[in-house]
Protein backbone atom coordinates (compact mmCIF):
# COMPACT_ATOMS: atom_id res chain seq x y z
CA MET A 1 0.00 0.00 0.00
CA SER A 2 2.68 2.50 0.98
CA ARG A 3 4.71 1.73 -2.15
CA PHE A 4 1.65 2.32 -4.32
CA ILE A 5 0.88 5.64 -2.59
CA VAL A 6 4.47 6.86 -3.02
CA ARG A 7 4.46 5.85 -6.68
CA ARG A 8 1.25 7.74 -7.32
CA ILE A 9 2.54 10.86 -5.55
CA LEU A 10 5.73 10.81 -7.60
CA ALA A 11 3.67 10.42 -10.78
CA LEU A 12 1.83 13.65 -9.94
CA VAL A 13 4.97 15.75 -10.28
CA PRO A 14 5.68 15.42 -14.04
CA THR A 15 1.97 15.58 -14.88
CA LEU A 16 1.50 18.78 -12.90
CA TRP A 17 4.67 20.29 -14.39
CA LEU A 18 3.42 19.55 -17.91
CA THR A 19 0.05 21.11 -17.09
CA VAL A 20 1.66 24.25 -15.69
CA THR A 21 3.97 24.56 -18.70
CA LEU A 22 1.26 24.18 -21.31
CA VAL A 23 -1.15 26.58 -19.60
CA PHE A 24 1.61 29.16 -19.06
CA PHE A 25 2.56 29.36 -22.72
CA PHE A 26 -1.02 29.09 -24.06
CA VAL A 27 -2.17 31.94 -21.84
CA ARG A 28 0.81 34.16 -22.62
CA LEU A 29 0.53 33.56 -26.37
CA ALA A 30 -3.20 34.40 -26.45
CA PRO A 31 -4.11 37.76 -28.03
CA GLY A 32 -4.34 40.72 -25.68
CA GLY A 33 -2.76 41.47 -22.34
CA PRO A 34 -3.69 42.21 -18.72
CA PHE A 35 -3.58 45.98 -19.30
CA ASP A 36 -5.66 46.08 -22.46
CA GLY A 37 -9.05 47.72 -22.16
CA GLU A 38 -11.66 49.80 -23.92
CA ARG A 39 -9.49 52.85 -23.34
CA ALA A 40 -5.92 52.58 -24.55
CA VAL A 41 -3.26 52.97 -21.87
CA PRO A 42 -0.60 55.59 -22.68
CA ARG A 43 2.57 53.96 -23.93
CA GLU A 44 4.68 55.34 -21.08
CA VAL A 45 2.29 53.91 -18.50
CA LEU A 46 2.14 50.57 -20.33
CA LEU A 47 5.92 50.29 -20.41
CA ALA A 48 6.12 51.14 -16.71
CA LEU A 49 3.55 48.46 -15.84
CA GLU A 50 5.30 45.85 -17.97
CA ALA A 51 8.61 46.69 -16.32
CA LYS A 52 7.06 46.46 -12.85
CA TYR A 53 5.63 42.99 -13.49
CA HIS A 54 8.51 41.85 -15.75
CA LEU A 55 6.15 41.31 -18.68
CA GLY A 56 8.69 42.80 -21.06
CA ASP A 57 11.19 40.03 -20.34
CA PRO A 58 11.65 37.20 -22.84
CA LEU A 59 8.95 34.54 -22.53
CA TYR A 60 11.33 31.80 -21.43
CA ARG A 61 12.65 34.09 -18.67
CA GLN A 62 9.14 34.79 -17.42
CA TYR A 63 8.48 31.05 -17.37
CA LEU A 64 11.63 30.22 -15.41
CA ASP A 65 10.95 33.01 -12.89
CA PHE A 66 7.36 31.84 -12.39
CA LEU A 67 8.46 28.23 -11.96
CA ALA A 68 11.18 29.18 -9.48
CA ASP A 69 8.78 31.27 -7.38
CA LEU A 70 6.21 28.46 -7.43
CA VAL A 71 8.60 25.66 -6.48
CA LEU A 72 10.81 27.49 -3.98
CA ARG A 73 8.27 29.74 -2.23
CA GLY A 74 4.85 28.62 -3.39
CA ASP A 75 4.36 32.15 -4.72
CA LEU A 76 1.88 32.51 -7.60
CA GLY A 77 2.63 36.18 -8.14
CA PRO A 78 0.58 39.38 -7.95
CA CYS A 79 -2.90 40.01 -9.33
CA PHE A 80 -2.80 42.42 -12.27
CA LYS A 81 -6.43 43.51 -11.96
CA TYR A 82 -6.50 43.67 -8.15
CA PRO A 83 -3.65 46.03 -7.18
CA GLY A 84 -2.04 45.27 -3.86
CA ARG A 85 -3.31 41.68 -3.75
CA THR A 86 -1.54 38.45 -4.60
CA VAL A 87 -2.95 35.29 -6.16
CA ASN A 88 -2.15 33.39 -2.96
CA GLU A 89 -4.34 35.79 -0.96
CA LEU A 90 -7.15 35.48 -3.50
CA LEU A 91 -7.05 31.67 -3.44
CA ARG A 92 -6.85 31.62 0.35
CA VAL A 93 -10.22 33.36 0.45
CA SER A 94 -11.95 31.78 -2.56
CA LEU A 95 -10.76 28.16 -2.39
CA PRO A 96 -12.67 27.28 0.84
CA VAL A 97 -15.87 28.64 -0.72
CA SER A 98 -15.44 26.55 -3.88
CA LEU A 99 -14.57 23.44 -1.86
CA GLN A 100 -17.59 23.96 0.38
CA LEU A 101 -19.86 24.27 -2.65
CA GLY A 102 -18.25 21.22 -4.27
CA VAL A 103 -18.56 19.00 -1.17
CA MET A 104 -22.18 20.00 -0.60
CA ALA A 105 -23.05 19.45 -4.27
CA MET A 106 -21.37 16.03 -4.31
CA THR A 107 -23.18 15.03 -1.10
CA PHE A 108 -26.47 16.09 -2.72
CA ALA A 109 -25.57 14.17 -5.89
CA LEU A 110 -24.83 10.96 -3.98
CA ALA A 111 -27.93 11.31 -1.80
CA VAL A 112 -30.11 11.64 -4.91
CA GLY A 113 -28.24 9.60 -7.51
CA VAL A 114 -27.52 6.39 -5.59
CA PRO A 115 -31.15 5.80 -4.43
CA LEU A 116 -32.43 6.53 -7.95
CA GLY A 117 -29.97 4.02 -9.40
CA VAL A 118 -30.87 1.37 -6.81
CA ILE A 119 -34.59 1.82 -7.47
CA GLY A 120 -34.03 1.59 -11.21
CA ALA A 121 -32.00 -1.62 -10.90
CA LEU A 122 -34.29 -3.40 -8.40
CA ARG A 123 -37.48 -2.37 -10.25
CA GLN A 124 -36.19 -2.89 -13.77
CA ASN A 125 -38.71 -2.24 -16.58
CA THR A 126 -41.36 -0.90 -14.19
CA TRP A 127 -42.80 2.60 -13.77
CA ALA A 128 -40.30 3.26 -10.97
CA ASP A 129 -37.40 2.39 -13.29
CA THR A 130 -38.86 4.58 -16.03
CA LEU A 131 -39.29 7.50 -13.63
CA ALA A 132 -35.76 7.16 -12.23
CA THR A 133 -34.26 6.86 -15.72
CA SER A 134 -36.25 9.86 -16.97
CA VAL A 135 -35.07 12.02 -14.07
CA ALA A 136 -31.48 10.95 -14.77
CA MET A 137 -31.80 11.74 -18.49
CA ILE A 138 -33.22 15.19 -17.75
CA GLY A 139 -30.39 15.88 -15.32
CA VAL A 140 -27.79 14.89 -17.91
CA SER A 141 -29.43 16.82 -20.75
CA VAL A 142 -30.01 20.18 -19.05
CA PRO A 143 -26.72 22.12 -18.71
CA ARG A 144 -25.99 24.20 -15.64
CA PHE A 145 -26.13 27.52 -17.49
CA VAL A 146 -29.74 26.70 -18.40
CA LEU A 147 -30.72 25.15 -15.06
CA ALA A 148 -29.39 28.06 -12.98
CA PRO A 149 -31.56 30.80 -14.55
CA LEU A 150 -34.61 28.51 -14.32
CA LEU A 151 -34.04 27.97 -10.60
CA VAL A 152 -33.52 31.69 -10.09
CA MET A 153 -36.71 32.58 -11.97
CA VAL A 154 -38.94 30.01 -10.25
CA PHE A 155 -37.72 29.90 -6.65
CA GLY A 156 -36.26 33.40 -6.39
CA LEU A 157 -38.15 35.82 -8.61
CA GLN A 158 -41.61 34.20 -8.72
CA LEU A 159 -42.08 32.25 -5.47
CA TYR A 160 -39.66 34.37 -3.37
CA TRP A 161 -38.66 31.28 -1.39
CA LEU A 162 -34.88 31.46 -1.63
CA PRO A 163 -32.17 34.09 -2.20
CA VAL A 164 -30.54 34.03 -5.61
CA ALA A 165 -27.13 35.54 -4.87
CA ARG A 166 -24.30 35.68 -2.32
CA TRP A 167 -22.99 32.94 -0.01
CA GLU A 168 -23.96 33.91 3.52
CA SER A 169 -26.27 31.26 5.04
CA TRP A 170 -27.66 27.80 4.37
CA ARG A 171 -30.56 29.33 2.45
CA HIS A 172 -28.12 30.96 0.03
CA ALA A 173 -26.56 27.54 -0.64
CA ILE A 174 -29.70 25.64 -1.65
CA LEU A 175 -30.08 26.79 -5.26
CA PRO A 176 -26.34 26.69 -6.12
CA VAL A 177 -25.97 23.21 -4.61
CA ILE A 178 -28.97 21.88 -6.55
CA CYS A 179 -27.75 23.51 -9.76
CA ALA A 180 -24.22 22.16 -9.38
CA GLY A 181 -25.16 18.71 -8.06
CA LEU A 182 -28.15 17.71 -10.21
CA PRO A 183 -26.21 16.82 -13.41
CA THR A 184 -23.72 14.84 -11.31
CA ALA A 185 -26.59 13.07 -9.54
CA ALA A 186 -27.94 12.03 -12.93
CA TYR A 187 -24.61 10.46 -13.93
CA ILE A 188 -24.34 8.68 -10.57
CA ALA A 189 -27.89 7.30 -10.94
CA ARG A 190 -27.07 5.84 -14.35
CA LEU A 191 -23.78 4.37 -13.16
CA THR A 192 -25.37 2.85 -10.05
CA ARG A 193 -28.20 1.31 -12.05
CA GLY A 194 -25.83 -0.13 -14.65
CA GLY A 195 -23.43 -1.51 -12.05
CA MET A 196 -26.19 -3.19 -10.03
CA LEU A 197 -27.90 -4.68 -13.11
CA GLU A 198 -24.72 -6.62 -13.84
CA LEU A 199 -24.98 -8.28 -10.43
CA VAL A 200 -28.73 -8.78 -9.94
CA ARG A 201 -28.67 -12.19 -11.64
CA ALA A 202 -25.16 -13.18 -10.59
CA ASP A 203 -24.61 -16.65 -9.12
CA PHE A 204 -23.55 -15.40 -5.70
CA VAL A 205 -26.73 -13.32 -5.43
CA ARG A 206 -28.91 -16.36 -6.24
CA THR A 207 -26.94 -18.35 -3.68
CA ALA A 208 -27.53 -15.69 -1.03
CA ARG A 209 -31.27 -15.78 -1.74
CA ALA A 210 -31.29 -19.59 -1.60
CA LYS A 211 -29.70 -19.44 1.84
CA GLY A 212 -32.56 -17.27 3.06
CA LEU A 213 -30.72 -13.97 3.26
CA GLY A 214 -33.12 -11.02 3.32
CA GLU A 215 -33.47 -8.74 0.30
CA GLY A 216 -32.19 -5.75 2.25
CA ALA A 217 -29.07 -7.59 3.34
CA ILE A 218 -28.45 -8.80 -0.23
CA VAL A 219 -28.68 -5.24 -1.55
CA VAL A 220 -26.35 -3.80 1.09
CA ARG A 221 -23.77 -6.61 1.33
CA HIS A 222 -23.58 -7.74 -2.29
CA LEU A 223 -25.38 -5.62 -4.88
CA LEU A 224 -24.63 -2.16 -3.55
CA ARG A 225 -20.96 -2.78 -2.81
CA GLY A 226 -20.30 -4.19 -6.27
CA GLY A 227 -22.67 -1.82 -8.02
CA LEU A 228 -20.94 1.24 -6.57
CA LEU A 229 -17.61 0.40 -8.23
CA PRO A 230 -18.42 2.49 -11.34
CA VAL A 231 -19.57 5.31 -9.06
CA VAL A 232 -16.30 5.18 -7.09
CA SER A 233 -14.34 5.41 -10.34
CA TYR A 234 -16.38 8.46 -11.27
CA LEU A 235 -16.02 10.29 -7.95
CA GLY A 236 -12.54 11.67 -8.67
CA PRO A 237 -13.22 13.25 -12.07
CA GLY A 238 -16.83 13.87 -10.98
CA PHE A 239 -15.79 16.04 -8.05
CA SER A 240 -13.29 17.85 -10.22
CA GLY A 241 -16.05 18.34 -12.77
CA LEU A 242 -18.19 19.85 -10.04
CA LEU A 243 -15.46 22.35 -9.23
CA VAL A 244 -14.98 23.20 -12.90
CA GLY A 245 -18.75 23.35 -13.42
CA SER A 246 -18.96 25.75 -10.52
CA LEU A 247 -17.44 28.37 -12.85
CA VAL A 248 -20.92 28.92 -14.24
CA VAL A 249 -22.73 28.44 -10.92
CA GLU A 250 -20.51 30.82 -9.00
CA THR A 251 -20.80 33.46 -11.70
CA ILE A 252 -24.60 33.30 -11.97
CA PHE A 253 -25.20 33.17 -8.21
CA ASN A 254 -22.46 35.72 -7.46
CA ILE A 255 -20.57 33.35 -5.17
CA PRO A 256 -17.04 34.54 -4.22
CA GLY A 257 -15.31 31.29 -5.19
CA MET A 258 -12.46 30.41 -7.51
CA GLY A 259 -14.77 29.93 -10.46
CA ARG A 260 -15.93 33.54 -10.55
CA TYR A 261 -12.39 34.87 -10.28
CA PHE A 262 -11.25 32.44 -12.98
CA VAL A 263 -13.89 33.70 -15.42
CA GLU A 264 -12.97 37.31 -14.69
CA ALA A 265 -9.26 36.53 -15.01
CA ALA A 266 -9.76 34.82 -18.38
CA THR A 267 -11.68 37.86 -19.62
CA ASN A 268 -9.13 40.32 -18.25
CA ARG A 269 -6.07 38.26 -19.28
CA ASP A 270 -4.88 38.14 -15.66
CA TYR A 271 -2.23 35.51 -16.27
CA ASN A 272 -1.34 34.76 -12.67
CA ILE A 273 -4.91 34.14 -11.49
CA VAL A 274 -5.53 31.81 -14.44
CA MET A 275 -2.34 29.92 -13.58
CA GLY A 276 -3.15 29.74 -9.88
CA VAL A 277 -6.68 28.40 -10.37
CA THR A 278 -5.47 25.92 -13.00
CA ILE A 279 -2.78 24.59 -10.66
CA VAL A 280 -5.32 24.14 -7.86
CA TYR A 281 -7.82 22.38 -10.15
CA GLY A 282 -5.11 20.15 -11.63
CA THR A 283 -3.73 19.17 -8.24
CA LEU A 284 -7.21 18.34 -6.93
CA LEU A 285 -8.05 16.26 -10.01
CA MET A 286 -4.87 14.18 -9.87
CA THR A 287 -5.06 13.70 -6.10
CA LEU A 288 -8.69 12.62 -6.22
CA ASN A 289 -7.96 10.15 -9.03
CA ALA A 290 -5.24 8.55 -6.91
CA LEU A 291 -7.61 8.27 -3.93
CA VAL A 292 -10.25 6.72 -6.19
CA ASP A 293 -7.82 4.02 -7.31
CA ILE A 294 -7.14 3.08 -3.70
CA ALA A 295 -10.86 3.03 -2.84
CA TYR A 296 -11.59 0.92 -5.93
CA ALA A 297 -9.10 -1.70 -4.87
CA TRP A 298 -10.57 -1.75 -1.36
CA LEU A 299 -14.12 -2.27 -2.65
CA ASP A 300 -13.24 -4.96 -5.19
CA PRO A 301 -11.05 -7.78 -3.82
CA ARG A 302 -10.38 -8.95 -7.38
CA VAL A 303 -8.35 -5.80 -8.04
CA SER A 304 -4.88 -5.43 -6.56
CA LEU A 305 -3.01 -2.19 -6.13
CA GLU A 306 -0.24 -3.49 -8.34
CA GLU A 307 -2.70 -3.69 -11.26
CA LEU A 308 -3.73 -0.02 -11.02
């Protein structure tokens, strides 16, 4: 186990370095710059700003300086559009908000998706299966940028039940969590149903029934544990997808998370914020994938860590 964990950690380093390198050059080579706007900046001011932030240096020099600051001090540099603030300070404030939204949305997705998948598998080809499958298909088909305005219009502007902006209390979290978690819940429902259907007629399930084991015990001990293997494999990229999907959710609901700052940074060509958010997302994705591999091996005795 320890050897596998060390090997996975070491594998993160070159992957993360490649991600940082590609994003750095793609962002810097994109048209425009952090000081471009509707009103042109006087050339003297522009040259002074580029000298202050070393943007006039050769591209390879900027890359080496950024990499050295990141590796040696964990410094992601200053924010171009927020004078006096650094990217580290911005992430220190926004990352907990995005993680809180992601964890709550994933909890909602599991609480809704797993029961729907179980019902669909145990009641195959019945009205319950049709209803569960229809809900899952709707959740997959409706994108977040469509679902969010619908939730705002119905529950905020017409019924006046819930607030539609900010992140201050549990009531402010309901609509964003539903919007972020519903598409993920739909995927989880489909994966759970498919995984359990492969085991419903398995020999060991028939043997358990022949021995007189109750239906509830069969579902919990045999069907659910094996049926959740596809869900476990999806949790890593699924949670990362929730964080990435929160770009839209945080922007529409005016939530002060990483997603909103990332969208603004991409629009304003704030290189350092784009790099900082990308590094955080990439690290989370790779770490979660490694944890999923370990959990997969624990759930399925047929899989060994050496095979992953």
